[in-house]
C-alpha atoms as a PDB file:
ATOM      1  CA  MET A   1     149.491  56.094  39.933  1.00  0.00           C
ATOM      2  CA  LEU A   2     152.581  56.808  42.390  1.00  0.00           C
ATOM      3  CA  ALA A   3     155.969  55.007  43.117  1.00  0.00           C
ATOM      4  CA  GLU A   4     157.806  56.109  45.621  1.00  0.00           C
ATOM      5  CA  GLY A   5     161.819  56.769  45.401  1.00  0.00           C
ATOM      6  CA  THR A   6     164.606  57.708  47.922  1.00  0.00           C
ATOM      7  CA  TYR A   7     167.574  60.261  47.727  1.00  0.00           C
ATOM      8  CA  ILE A   8     170.279  61.407  50.652  1.00  0.00           C
ATOM      9  CA  CYS A   9     170.189  64.677  51.670  1.00  0.00           C
ATOM     10  CA  GLN A  10     173.425  66.485  50.992  1.00  0.00           C
ATOM     11  CA  ALA A  11     173.055  68.691  53.910  1.00  0.00           C
ATOM     12  CA  CYS A  12     171.956  66.528  57.116  1.00  0.00           C
ATOM     13  CA  GLY A  13     172.797  63.175  55.658  1.00  0.00           C
ATOM     14  CA  GLU A  14     169.381  61.486  56.010  1.00  0.00           C
ATOM     15  CA  GLU A  15     167.756  59.138  53.499  1.00  0.00           C
ATOM     16  CA  ILE A  16     164.597  60.463  52.228  1.00  0.00           C
ATOM     17  CA  VAL A  17     161.443  58.923  50.847  1.00  0.00           C
ATOM     18  CA  VAL A  18     159.577  60.826  47.822  1.00  0.00           C
ATOM     19  CA  GLU A  19     156.105  60.040  45.980  1.00  0.00           C
ATOM     20  CA  VAL A  20     156.652  60.544  42.485  1.00  0.00           C
ATOM     21  CA  ASP A  21     154.319  60.693  39.911  1.00  0.00           C
ATOM     22  CA  LEU A  22     154.590  58.391  37.357  1.00  0.00           C
ATOM     23  CA  SER A  23     152.234  59.785  34.461  1.00  0.00           C
ATOM     24  CA  ALA A  24     154.080  62.808  34.973  1.00  0.00           C
ATOM     25  CA  GLY A  25     156.460  61.164  32.530  1.00  0.00           C
ATOM     26  CA  GLY A  26     160.011  58.823  32.538  1.00  0.00           C
ATOM     27  CA  ARG A  27     162.226  61.984  33.187  1.00  0.00           C
ATOM     28  CA  GLN A  28     161.051  64.543  35.527  1.00  0.00           C
ATOM     29  CA  GLU A  29     162.945  67.657  37.521  1.00  0.00           C
ATOM     30  CA  TYR A  30     162.012  69.555  40.133  1.00  0.00           C
ATOM     31  CA  SER A  31     162.732  71.227  43.160  1.00  0.00           C
ATOM     32  CA  GLU A  32     161.685  70.163  47.152  1.00  0.00           C
ATOM     33  CA  ASP A  33     162.689  70.927  50.386  1.00  0.00           C
ATOM     34  CA  CYS A  34     164.813  68.319  52.671  1.00  0.00           C
ATOM     35  CA  PRO A  35     161.323  67.168  55.122  1.00  0.00           C
ATOM     36  CA  VAL A  36     164.299  67.208  58.221  1.00  0.00           C
ATOM     37  CA  CYS A  37     166.589  70.054  57.426  1.00  0.00           C
ATOM     38  CA  CYS A  38     164.371  72.260  55.358  1.00  0.00           C
ATOM     39  CA  ARG A  39     167.279  72.887  52.534  1.00  0.00           C
ATOM     40  CA  PRO A  40     165.946  72.904  48.717  1.00  0.00           C
ATOM     41  CA  HIS A  41     167.551  70.082  46.838  1.00  0.00           C
ATOM     42  CA  LEU A  42     167.383  70.242  42.857  1.00  0.00           C
ATOM     43  CA  LEU A  43     165.783  66.517  42.119  1.00  0.00           C
ATOM     44  CA  SER A  44     166.159  64.042  38.904  1.00  0.00           C
ATOM     45  CA  VAL A  45     163.795  61.505  38.408  1.00  0.00           C
ATOM     46  CA  ARG A  46     164.205  58.549  35.851  1.00  0.00           C
ATOM     47  CA  ILE A  47     161.728  56.005  35.947  1.00  0.00           C
ATOM     48  CA  ALA A  48     162.674  52.762  33.877  1.00  0.00           C
ATOM     49  CA  SER A  49     160.129  51.051  31.734  1.00  0.00           C
ATOM     50  CA  ASP A  50     159.709  48.490  34.713  1.00  0.00           C
ATOM     51  CA  GLY A  51     158.848  51.259  36.868  1.00  0.00           C
ATOM     52  CA  HIS A  52     161.748  51.165  39.140  1.00  0.00           C
ATOM     53  CA  VAL A  53     162.360  55.047  40.068  1.00  0.00           C
ATOM     54  CA  GLU A  54     165.980  56.490  40.535  1.00  0.00           C
ATOM     55  CA  ILE A  55     166.546  59.762  42.280  1.00  0.00           C
ATOM     56  CA  GLY A  56     169.719  62.060  42.246  1.00  0.00           C
ATOM     57  CA  ALA A  57     169.514  65.110  44.049  1.00  0.00           C
ATOM     58  CA  GLU A  58     171.676  67.990  43.845  1.00  0.00           C
ATOM     59  CA  GLY A  59     171.585  70.775  46.808  1.00  0.00           C
ATOM     60  CA  GLU A  60     170.380  74.191  45.468  1.00  0.00           C
END
């Protein structure tokens, strides 16, 4: 099952929508390039018990 979350790219300032795989657990961490400026980010994903997705992003 998938859900969506967003983060703001620290390099270009764009809001980025990310699909999150809910079956991968309530806490996830992975690298992803911004689809606008291609700069890498370390994404920290937290999924609440009600399914709300919160994403933190840190430039690499």
